[in-house]
PDB file of N, CA and C in Angstrom:
ATOM      1  N   MET A   1     229.926-103.766  25.254  1.00  0.00           N
ATOM      2  CA  MET A   1     228.833-104.652  25.351  1.00  0.00           C
ATOM      3  C   MET A   1     227.601-104.093  26.081  1.00  0.00           C
ATOM      4  N   SER A   2     227.869-103.359  27.106  1.00  0.00           N
ATOM      5  CA  SER A   2     226.775-102.654  27.831  1.00  0.00           C
ATOM      6  C   SER A   2     226.092-101.647  26.967  1.00  0.00           C
ATOM      7  N   GLY A   3     226.842-100.944  26.198  1.00  0.00           N
ATOM      8  CA  GLY A   3     226.263 -99.970  25.305  1.00  0.00           C
ATOM      9  C   GLY A   3     225.400-100.622  24.236  1.00  0.00           C
ATOM     10  N   LEU A   4     225.720-101.782  23.753  1.00  0.00           N
ATOM     11  CA  LEU A   4     224.948-102.632  22.817  1.00  0.00           C
ATOM     12  C   LEU A   4     223.598-103.016  23.552  1.00  0.00           C
ATOM     13  N   PHE A   5     223.710-103.447  24.803  1.00  0.00           N
ATOM     14  CA  PHE A   5     222.531-103.887  25.481  1.00  0.00           C
ATOM     15  C   PHE A   5     221.536-102.670  25.645  1.00  0.00           C
ATOM     16  N   ILE A   6     222.033-101.529  26.075  1.00  0.00           N
ATOM     17  CA  ILE A   6     221.237-100.289  26.150  1.00  0.00           C
ATOM     18  C   ILE A   6     220.579 -99.988  24.849  1.00  0.00           C
ATOM     19  N   GLY A   7     221.379-100.033  23.774  1.00  0.00           N
ATOM     20  CA  GLY A   7     220.889 -99.633  22.411  1.00  0.00           C
ATOM     21  C   GLY A   7     219.660-100.605  22.103  1.00  0.00           C
ATOM     22  N   PHE A   8     219.903-101.954  22.429  1.00  0.00           N
ATOM     23  CA  PHE A   8     218.938-102.964  22.137  1.00  0.00           C
ATOM     24  C   PHE A   8     217.614-102.689  22.943  1.00  0.00           C
ATOM     25  N   PHE A   9     217.880-102.288  24.158  1.00  0.00           N
ATOM     26  CA  PHE A   9     216.738-102.004  24.981  1.00  0.00           C
ATOM     27  C   PHE A   9     215.873-100.836  24.518  1.00  0.00           C
ATOM     28  N   HIS A  10     216.583 -99.831  24.062  1.00  0.00           N
ATOM     29  CA  HIS A  10     215.904 -98.505  23.630  1.00  0.00           C
ATOM     30  C   HIS A  10     215.187 -98.897  22.304  1.00  0.00           C
ATOM     31  N   LEU A  11     215.732 -99.713  21.450  1.00  0.00           N
ATOM     32  CA  LEU A  11     215.195-100.073  20.216  1.00  0.00           C
ATOM     33  C   LEU A  11     213.839-100.885  20.449  1.00  0.00           C
ATOM     34  N   SER A  12     213.896-101.791  21.438  1.00  0.00           N
ATOM     35  CA  SER A  12     212.792-102.556  21.811  1.00  0.00           C
ATOM     36  C   SER A  12     211.565-101.643  22.373  1.00  0.00           C
ATOM     37  N   LEU A  13     212.015-100.697  23.203  1.00  0.00           N
ATOM     38  CA  LEU A  13     211.065 -99.765  23.689  1.00  0.00           C
ATOM     39  C   LEU A  13     210.311 -98.983  22.642  1.00  0.00           C
ATOM     40  N   LEU A  14     211.150 -98.548  21.720  1.00  0.00           N
ATOM     41  CA  LEU A  14     210.700 -97.656  20.713  1.00  0.00           C
ATOM     42  C   LEU A  14     209.801 -98.575  19.734  1.00  0.00           C
ATOM     43  N   PHE A  15     210.121 -99.861  19.506  1.00  0.00           N
ATOM     44  CA  PHE A  15     209.280-100.681  18.667  1.00  0.00           C
ATOM     45  C   PHE A  15     208.003-100.948  19.371  1.00  0.00           C
ATOM     46  N   ARG A  16     208.010-101.133  20.638  1.00  0.00           N
ATOM     47  CA  ARG A  16     206.700-101.369  21.395  1.00  0.00           C
ATOM     48  C   ARG A  16     205.843-100.148  21.351  1.00  0.00           C
ATOM     49  N   TYR A  17     206.424 -98.941  21.489  1.00  0.00           N
ATOM     50  CA  TYR A  17     205.674 -97.697  21.395  1.00  0.00           C
ATOM     51  C   TYR A  17     204.973 -97.473  20.042  1.00  0.00           C
ATOM     52  N   PHE A  18     205.775 -97.920  18.959  1.00  0.00           N
ATOM     53  CA  PHE A  18     205.381 -97.750  17.520  1.00  0.00           C
ATOM     54  C   PHE A  18     204.234 -98.806  17.314  1.00  0.00           C
ATOM     55  N   LEU A  19     204.366-100.027  17.741  1.00  0.00           N
ATOM     56  CA  LEU A  19     203.334-101.145  17.611  1.00  0.00           C
ATOM     57  C   LEU A  19     202.155-100.625  18.239  1.00  0.00           C
ATOM     58  N   ASN A  20     202.147-100.204  19.517  1.00  0.00           N
ATOM     59  CA  ASN A  20     201.071 -99.776  20.287  1.00  0.00           C
ATOM     60  C   ASN A  20     200.230 -98.503  19.523  1.00  0.00           C
ATOM     61  N   ALA A  21     200.985 -97.637  18.943  1.00  0.00           N
ATOM     62  CA  ALA A  21     200.421 -96.604  18.162  1.00  0.00           C
ATOM     63  C   ALA A  21     199.667 -97.127  16.934  1.00  0.00           C
ATOM     64  N   VAL A  22     200.235 -98.101  16.224  1.00  0.00           N
ATOM     65  CA  VAL A  22     199.597 -98.580  15.105  1.00  0.00           C
ATOM     66  C   VAL A  22     198.365 -99.359  15.488  1.00  0.00           C
ATOM     67  N   ILE A  23     198.431-100.123  16.649  1.00  0.00           N
ATOM     68  CA  ILE A  23     197.205-100.886  17.061  1.00  0.00           C
ATOM     69  C   ILE A  23     196.139 -99.962  17.538  1.00  0.00           C
ATOM     70  N   SER A  24     196.496 -98.879  18.169  1.00  0.00           N
ATOM     71  CA  SER A  24     195.517 -97.754  18.540  1.00  0.00           C
ATOM     72  C   SER A  24     194.873 -97.214  17.411  1.00  0.00           C
ATOM     73  N   ALA A  25     195.659 -96.817  16.390  1.00  0.00           N
ATOM     74  CA  ALA A  25     195.188 -96.265  15.192  1.00  0.00           C
ATOM     75  C   ALA A  25     194.225 -97.154  14.469  1.00  0.00           C
ATOM     76  N   GLN A  26     194.520 -98.389  14.491  1.00  0.00           N
ATOM     77  CA  GLN A  26     193.653 -99.348  13.752  1.00  0.00           C
ATOM     78  C   GLN A  26     192.373 -99.544  14.540  1.00  0.00           C
ATOM     79  N   SER A  27     192.459 -99.702  15.784  1.00  0.00           N
ATOM     80  CA  SER A  27     191.283 -99.857  16.652  1.00  0.00           C
ATOM     81  C   SER A  27     190.343 -98.606  16.543  1.00  0.00           C
ATOM     82  N   ASN A  28     190.931 -97.377  16.440  1.00  0.00           N
ATOM     83  CA  ASN A  28     190.216 -96.196  16.401  1.00  0.00           C
ATOM     84  C   ASN A  28     189.561 -96.094  14.978  1.00  0.00           C
ATOM     85  N   HIS A  29     190.232 -96.522  14.051  1.00  0.00           N
ATOM     86  CA  HIS A  29     189.709 -96.544  12.551  1.00  0.00           C
ATOM     87  C   HIS A  29     188.558 -97.532  12.412  1.00  0.00           C
ATOM     88  N   GLY A  30     188.853 -98.738  13.106  1.00  0.00           N
ATOM     89  CA  GLY A  30     187.877 -99.859  12.931  1.00  0.00           C
ATOM     90  C   GLY A  30     186.532 -99.506  13.706  1.00  0.00           C
TER      91      GLY A  30
END
C-alpha cells in the first residue's frame, strides 16, 4: 500500500510538471 501511495504521489508530481510546462508553452506562444 505504501508503494502504491508513493507511485501515486510521483505520478501527481509528474502530471503537475507536465501541466505547468504546457501552460508555460501556451503563455509563451500567446
